[in-house]
Amino acid sequence: MVVAIYGIKSCDTMKKAMAWLDAHDVAYIFHDYKKEGADRGRLLEWVKVVGWEALINRSGTTFRKLPDEDKADLTQEKAIALMLSNPSMIRRPVLETSLGIQVGFKPDCYAELFRG
């Protein structure tokens, strides 16, 4: 199974997720938004699966620092545009596998996904 994890290397939640994958011998590809940016096509695919609301980290510094007019009246297209221009506001990590997409890190969910 091909596994890709998307996020920012310095993020504590990312570090926990990658440590979990390493400890369970799960090989993965890491995509760093800070270095590689976010891809519109990939975001659209994720939105189809989990919805744009699940992808926005509203509690993060990047989102909170946006002007109020940017945060107001969010729609899917506006949210995608904001995530493309500010990839740090995408909730982390996004784990992509052939079995599906997992947003955020919960050890129990990872264990279920990679069981046997």
N, C-alpha and C. Protein backbone atom coordinates (compact mmCIF):
# COMPACT_ATOMS: atom_id res chain seq x y z
N MET A 1 0.84 -1.17 0.00
CA MET A 1 0.00 0.00 0.00
C MET A 1 0.89 1.24 0.00
N VAL A 2 0.56 2.19 -0.86
CA VAL A 2 1.28 3.45 -0.90
C VAL A 2 0.65 4.38 0.13
N VAL A 3 1.49 4.96 0.97
CA VAL A 3 1.02 5.85 2.03
C VAL A 3 1.73 7.19 1.86
N ALA A 4 0.95 8.26 1.87
CA ALA A 4 1.52 9.61 1.81
C ALA A 4 0.94 10.40 2.98
N ILE A 5 1.80 11.19 3.59
CA ILE A 5 1.36 12.03 4.70
C ILE A 5 1.69 13.47 4.34
N TYR A 6 0.72 14.36 4.53
CA TYR A 6 0.83 15.75 4.12
C TYR A 6 0.76 16.65 5.34
N GLY A 7 1.65 17.63 5.38
CA GLY A 7 1.63 18.57 6.49
C GLY A 7 2.88 19.42 6.51
N ILE A 8 3.27 19.81 7.71
CA ILE A 8 4.43 20.67 7.93
C ILE A 8 5.33 19.97 8.92
N LYS A 9 6.59 19.85 8.55
CA LYS A 9 7.54 19.07 9.34
C LYS A 9 7.64 19.53 10.79
N SER A 10 7.55 20.82 11.04
CA SER A 10 7.73 21.35 12.39
C SER A 10 6.50 21.20 13.28
N CYS A 11 5.39 20.77 12.73
CA CYS A 11 4.14 20.62 13.48
C CYS A 11 4.24 19.45 14.46
N ASP A 12 3.88 19.68 15.72
CA ASP A 12 3.96 18.64 16.74
C ASP A 12 3.07 17.45 16.41
N THR A 13 1.88 17.70 15.89
CA THR A 13 0.99 16.59 15.53
C THR A 13 1.57 15.77 14.39
N MET A 14 2.22 16.44 13.46
CA MET A 14 2.90 15.73 12.36
C MET A 14 4.00 14.83 12.92
N LYS A 15 4.76 15.37 13.85
CA LYS A 15 5.84 14.59 14.45
C LYS A 15 5.30 13.34 15.13
N LYS A 16 4.18 13.48 15.84
CA LYS A 16 3.56 12.32 16.49
C LYS A 16 3.07 11.30 15.47
N ALA A 17 2.45 11.77 14.40
CA ALA A 17 1.94 10.87 13.38
C ALA A 17 3.08 10.12 12.68
N MET A 18 4.13 10.84 12.32
CA MET A 18 5.26 10.19 11.65
C MET A 18 5.98 9.24 12.59
N ALA A 19 6.07 9.60 13.86
CA ALA A 19 6.68 8.69 14.85
C ALA A 19 5.85 7.41 14.96
N TRP A 20 4.53 7.54 14.93
CA TRP A 20 3.66 6.37 14.98
C TRP A 20 3.90 5.49 13.75
N LEU A 21 3.92 6.09 12.59
CA LEU A 21 4.16 5.33 11.35
C LEU A 21 5.51 4.63 11.40
N ASP A 22 6.54 5.34 11.84
CA ASP A 22 7.89 4.75 11.95
C ASP A 22 7.89 3.59 12.93
N ALA A 23 7.26 3.77 14.08
CA ALA A 23 7.24 2.73 15.11
C ALA A 23 6.49 1.47 14.65
N HIS A 24 5.57 1.64 13.71
CA HIS A 24 4.78 0.51 13.21
C HIS A 24 5.25 0.05 11.82
N ASP A 25 6.46 0.48 11.45
CA ASP A 25 7.08 0.07 10.19
C ASP A 25 6.19 0.31 8.97
N VAL A 26 5.53 1.46 8.97
CA VAL A 26 4.71 1.85 7.82
C VAL A 26 5.54 2.81 6.97
N ALA A 27 5.88 2.38 5.77
CA ALA A 27 6.64 3.24 4.85
C ALA A 27 5.70 4.31 4.30
N TYR A 28 6.21 5.52 4.17
CA TYR A 28 5.37 6.61 3.69
C TYR A 28 6.20 7.64 2.93
N ILE A 29 5.50 8.43 2.16
CA ILE A 29 6.06 9.58 1.46
C ILE A 29 5.56 10.81 2.21
N PHE A 30 6.45 11.75 2.49
CA PHE A 30 6.07 12.97 3.21
C PHE A 30 6.04 14.14 2.25
N HIS A 31 4.93 14.86 2.25
CA HIS A 31 4.77 16.07 1.44
C HIS A 31 4.71 17.26 2.40
N ASP A 32 5.71 18.12 2.34
CA ASP A 32 5.81 19.28 3.22
C ASP A 32 5.22 20.50 2.52
N TYR A 33 4.11 21.01 3.07
CA TYR A 33 3.46 22.18 2.47
C TYR A 33 4.37 23.39 2.42
N LYS A 34 5.26 23.53 3.40
CA LYS A 34 6.15 24.70 3.43
C LYS A 34 7.11 24.69 2.24
N LYS A 35 7.54 23.50 1.84
CA LYS A 35 8.50 23.38 0.74
C LYS A 35 7.83 23.15 -0.60
N GLU A 36 6.74 22.37 -0.60
CA GLU A 36 6.13 21.94 -1.86
C GLU A 36 4.78 22.55 -2.16
N GLY A 37 4.21 23.27 -1.20
CA GLY A 37 2.91 23.89 -1.39
C GLY A 37 1.78 22.86 -1.40
N ALA A 38 0.59 23.36 -1.65
CA ALA A 38 -0.60 22.50 -1.73
C ALA A 38 -1.05 22.44 -3.18
N ASP A 39 -1.66 21.34 -3.55
CA ASP A 39 -2.09 21.10 -4.92
C ASP A 39 -3.62 21.18 -5.00
N ARG A 40 -4.12 22.01 -5.90
CA ARG A 40 -5.57 22.20 -6.05
C ARG A 40 -6.30 20.89 -6.35
N GLY A 41 -5.77 20.10 -7.27
CA GLY A 41 -6.40 18.84 -7.63
C GLY A 41 -6.52 17.89 -6.44
N ARG A 42 -5.46 17.82 -5.67
CA ARG A 42 -5.47 16.95 -4.49
C ARG A 42 -6.48 17.47 -3.46
N LEU A 43 -6.49 18.78 -3.22
CA LEU A 43 -7.46 19.35 -2.28
C LEU A 43 -8.89 19.04 -2.72
N LEU A 44 -9.16 19.14 -4.01
CA LEU A 44 -10.50 18.85 -4.52
C LEU A 44 -10.88 17.38 -4.27
N GLU A 45 -9.92 16.49 -4.42
CA GLU A 45 -10.17 15.07 -4.15
C GLU A 45 -10.47 14.86 -2.66
N TRP A 46 -9.70 15.48 -1.81
CA TRP A 46 -9.93 15.35 -0.37
C TRP A 46 -11.30 15.91 0.01
N VAL A 47 -11.66 17.06 -0.59
CA VAL A 47 -12.95 17.68 -0.30
C VAL A 47 -14.09 16.73 -0.66
N LYS A 48 -13.94 16.00 -1.77
CA LYS A 48 -14.97 15.03 -2.16
C LYS A 48 -15.16 13.95 -1.10
N VAL A 49 -14.08 13.59 -0.43
CA VAL A 49 -14.12 12.50 0.55
C VAL A 49 -14.51 12.98 1.95
N VAL A 50 -13.87 14.04 2.43
CA VAL A 50 -14.08 14.45 3.83
C VAL A 50 -14.80 15.79 3.98
N GLY A 51 -14.95 16.54 2.89
CA GLY A 51 -15.57 17.87 2.97
C GLY A 51 -14.55 18.94 3.30
N TRP A 52 -14.78 20.14 2.80
CA TRP A 52 -13.81 21.21 3.02
C TRP A 52 -13.74 21.65 4.47
N GLU A 53 -14.85 21.52 5.20
CA GLU A 53 -14.87 21.93 6.61
C GLU A 53 -13.87 21.12 7.44
N ALA A 54 -13.72 19.83 7.12
CA ALA A 54 -12.81 18.96 7.89
C ALA A 54 -11.35 19.28 7.61
N LEU A 55 -11.07 19.95 6.51
CA LEU A 55 -9.70 20.23 6.12
C LEU A 55 -9.16 21.55 6.68
N ILE A 56 -10.04 22.43 7.12
CA ILE A 56 -9.58 23.73 7.62
C ILE A 56 -9.32 23.65 9.11
N ASN A 57 -8.13 24.08 9.50
CA ASN A 57 -7.77 24.14 10.91
C ASN A 57 -8.14 25.53 11.43
N ARG A 58 -9.39 25.66 11.86
CA ARG A 58 -9.89 26.96 12.32
C ARG A 58 -9.23 27.41 13.63
N SER A 59 -8.68 26.47 14.39
CA SER A 59 -8.06 26.84 15.66
C SER A 59 -6.59 27.21 15.51
N GLY A 60 -6.03 27.04 14.32
CA GLY A 60 -4.62 27.33 14.10
C GLY A 60 -4.35 28.82 13.94
N THR A 61 -3.11 29.18 14.17
CA THR A 61 -2.67 30.57 14.09
C THR A 61 -2.92 31.16 12.71
N THR A 62 -2.64 30.40 11.66
CA THR A 62 -2.77 30.92 10.30
C THR A 62 -4.21 31.36 10.03
N PHE A 63 -5.18 30.53 10.39
CA PHE A 63 -6.58 30.88 10.17
C PHE A 63 -6.98 32.06 11.05
N ARG A 64 -6.59 32.04 12.30
CA ARG A 64 -6.99 33.11 13.22
C ARG A 64 -6.43 34.47 12.80
N LYS A 65 -5.27 34.48 12.13
CA LYS A 65 -4.65 35.73 11.71
C LYS A 65 -5.23 36.29 10.41
N LEU A 66 -6.06 35.51 9.73
CA LEU A 66 -6.67 36.01 8.49
C LEU A 66 -7.58 37.20 8.79
N PRO A 67 -7.70 38.12 7.85
CA PRO A 67 -8.65 39.21 8.03
C PRO A 67 -10.07 38.63 8.17
N ASP A 68 -10.90 39.31 8.94
CA ASP A 68 -12.26 38.82 9.19
C ASP A 68 -13.04 38.59 7.90
N GLU A 69 -12.83 39.43 6.90
CA GLU A 69 -13.56 39.27 5.65
C GLU A 69 -13.17 37.97 4.92
N ASP A 70 -11.94 37.51 5.11
CA ASP A 70 -11.52 36.24 4.52
C ASP A 70 -12.18 35.05 5.22
N LYS A 71 -12.38 35.19 6.53
CA LYS A 71 -12.98 34.10 7.32
C LYS A 71 -14.50 34.07 7.23
N ALA A 72 -15.09 35.20 6.85
CA ALA A 72 -16.55 35.30 6.80
C ALA A 72 -17.12 34.61 5.56
N ASP A 73 -18.29 34.05 5.71
CA ASP A 73 -19.04 33.47 4.60
C ASP A 73 -18.22 32.48 3.78
N LEU A 74 -17.56 31.56 4.45
CA LEU A 74 -16.75 30.57 3.73
C LEU A 74 -17.63 29.65 2.89
N THR A 75 -17.15 29.43 1.68
CA THR A 75 -17.75 28.45 0.78
C THR A 75 -16.65 27.47 0.42
N GLN A 76 -17.00 26.42 -0.26
CA GLN A 76 -15.98 25.45 -0.67
C GLN A 76 -14.91 26.11 -1.51
N GLU A 77 -15.30 26.88 -2.50
CA GLU A 77 -14.31 27.50 -3.39
C GLU A 77 -13.44 28.51 -2.66
N LYS A 78 -14.04 29.30 -1.78
CA LYS A 78 -13.27 30.28 -1.01
C LYS A 78 -12.31 29.56 -0.06
N ALA A 79 -12.77 28.49 0.57
CA ALA A 79 -11.92 27.72 1.49
C ALA A 79 -10.74 27.11 0.75
N ILE A 80 -10.99 26.56 -0.42
CA ILE A 80 -9.91 25.96 -1.21
C ILE A 80 -8.89 27.03 -1.61
N ALA A 81 -9.37 28.18 -2.04
CA ALA A 81 -8.46 29.27 -2.41
C ALA A 81 -7.61 29.68 -1.21
N LEU A 82 -8.22 29.76 -0.02
CA LEU A 82 -7.47 30.13 1.18
C LEU A 82 -6.43 29.06 1.52
N MET A 83 -6.81 27.78 1.41
CA MET A 83 -5.87 26.70 1.72
C MET A 83 -4.71 26.67 0.73
N LEU A 84 -4.98 26.99 -0.53
CA LEU A 84 -3.91 27.02 -1.54
C LEU A 84 -2.93 28.17 -1.26
N SER A 85 -3.45 29.31 -0.85
CA SER A 85 -2.57 30.45 -0.59
C SER A 85 -1.96 30.42 0.81
N ASN A 86 -2.55 29.63 1.70
CA ASN A 86 -2.07 29.51 3.08
C ASN A 86 -2.08 28.03 3.50
N PRO A 87 -1.21 27.20 2.95
CA PRO A 87 -1.27 25.76 3.24
C PRO A 87 -1.15 25.41 4.72
N SER A 88 -0.62 26.33 5.53
CA SER A 88 -0.52 26.08 6.96
C SER A 88 -1.90 25.97 7.62
N MET A 89 -2.94 26.44 6.95
CA MET A 89 -4.27 26.36 7.54
C MET A 89 -4.98 25.04 7.24
N ILE A 90 -4.31 24.15 6.50
CA ILE A 90 -4.87 22.82 6.26
C ILE A 90 -4.63 21.99 7.52
N ARG A 91 -5.68 21.37 8.01
CA ARG A 91 -5.56 20.53 9.21
C ARG A 91 -4.53 19.43 8.96
N ARG A 92 -3.73 19.15 9.98
CA ARG A 92 -2.64 18.20 9.82
C ARG A 92 -2.75 17.07 10.83
N PRO A 93 -2.19 15.95 10.42
CA PRO A 93 -1.77 15.58 9.06
C PRO A 93 -2.97 15.12 8.23
N VAL A 94 -2.74 15.09 6.92
CA VAL A 94 -3.66 14.39 6.03
C VAL A 94 -2.90 13.15 5.59
N LEU A 95 -3.46 12.00 5.91
CA LEU A 95 -2.85 10.72 5.57
C LEU A 95 -3.65 10.13 4.42
N GLU A 96 -2.97 9.84 3.33
CA GLU A 96 -3.61 9.34 2.12
C GLU A 96 -3.11 7.92 1.86
N THR A 97 -4.04 6.98 1.76
CA THR A 97 -3.70 5.59 1.46
C THR A 97 -4.66 5.08 0.40
N SER A 98 -4.40 3.88 -0.08
CA SER A 98 -5.31 3.27 -1.05
C SER A 98 -6.65 2.92 -0.39
N LEU A 99 -6.68 2.91 0.93
CA LEU A 99 -7.90 2.60 1.67
C LEU A 99 -8.72 3.83 2.01
N GLY A 100 -8.15 5.00 1.81
CA GLY A 100 -8.88 6.23 2.11
C GLY A 100 -8.00 7.32 2.66
N ILE A 101 -8.66 8.33 3.19
CA ILE A 101 -7.99 9.52 3.70
C ILE A 101 -8.33 9.67 5.18
N GLN A 102 -7.32 9.99 5.97
CA GLN A 102 -7.49 10.24 7.40
C GLN A 102 -7.00 11.65 7.66
N VAL A 103 -7.84 12.50 8.24
CA VAL A 103 -7.46 13.87 8.56
C VAL A 103 -7.27 13.97 10.07
N GLY A 104 -6.13 14.49 10.48
CA GLY A 104 -5.80 14.56 11.90
C GLY A 104 -5.11 13.28 12.33
N PHE A 105 -4.59 13.29 13.54
CA PHE A 105 -3.90 12.10 14.04
C PHE A 105 -4.56 11.58 15.30
N LYS A 106 -5.05 10.36 15.20
CA LYS A 106 -5.57 9.63 16.35
C LYS A 106 -4.96 8.23 16.26
N PRO A 107 -4.12 7.87 17.23
CA PRO A 107 -3.44 6.57 17.17
C PRO A 107 -4.40 5.39 16.94
N ASP A 108 -5.56 5.43 17.56
CA ASP A 108 -6.53 4.33 17.39
C ASP A 108 -7.00 4.22 15.94
N CYS A 109 -7.21 5.35 15.30
CA CYS A 109 -7.65 5.34 13.90
C CYS A 109 -6.54 4.83 12.99
N TYR A 110 -5.30 5.23 13.27
CA TYR A 110 -4.18 4.73 12.48
C TYR A 110 -4.05 3.22 12.67
N ALA A 111 -4.18 2.75 13.91
CA ALA A 111 -4.07 1.32 14.18
C ALA A 111 -5.15 0.54 13.43
N GLU A 112 -6.35 1.07 13.39
CA GLU A 112 -7.45 0.42 12.66
C GLU A 112 -7.15 0.39 11.16
N LEU A 113 -6.67 1.50 10.65
CA LEU A 113 -6.37 1.60 9.22
C LEU A 113 -5.30 0.62 8.79
N PHE A 114 -4.27 0.44 9.61
CA PHE A 114 -3.13 -0.41 9.22
C PHE A 114 -3.17 -1.80 9.84
N ARG A 115 -4.31 -2.16 10.42
CA ARG A 115 -4.41 -3.50 11.02
C ARG A 115 -4.31 -4.57 9.94
N GLY A 116 -3.50 -5.57 10.24
CA GLY A 116 -3.32 -6.80 9.50
C GLY A 116 -3.38 -6.73 8.06
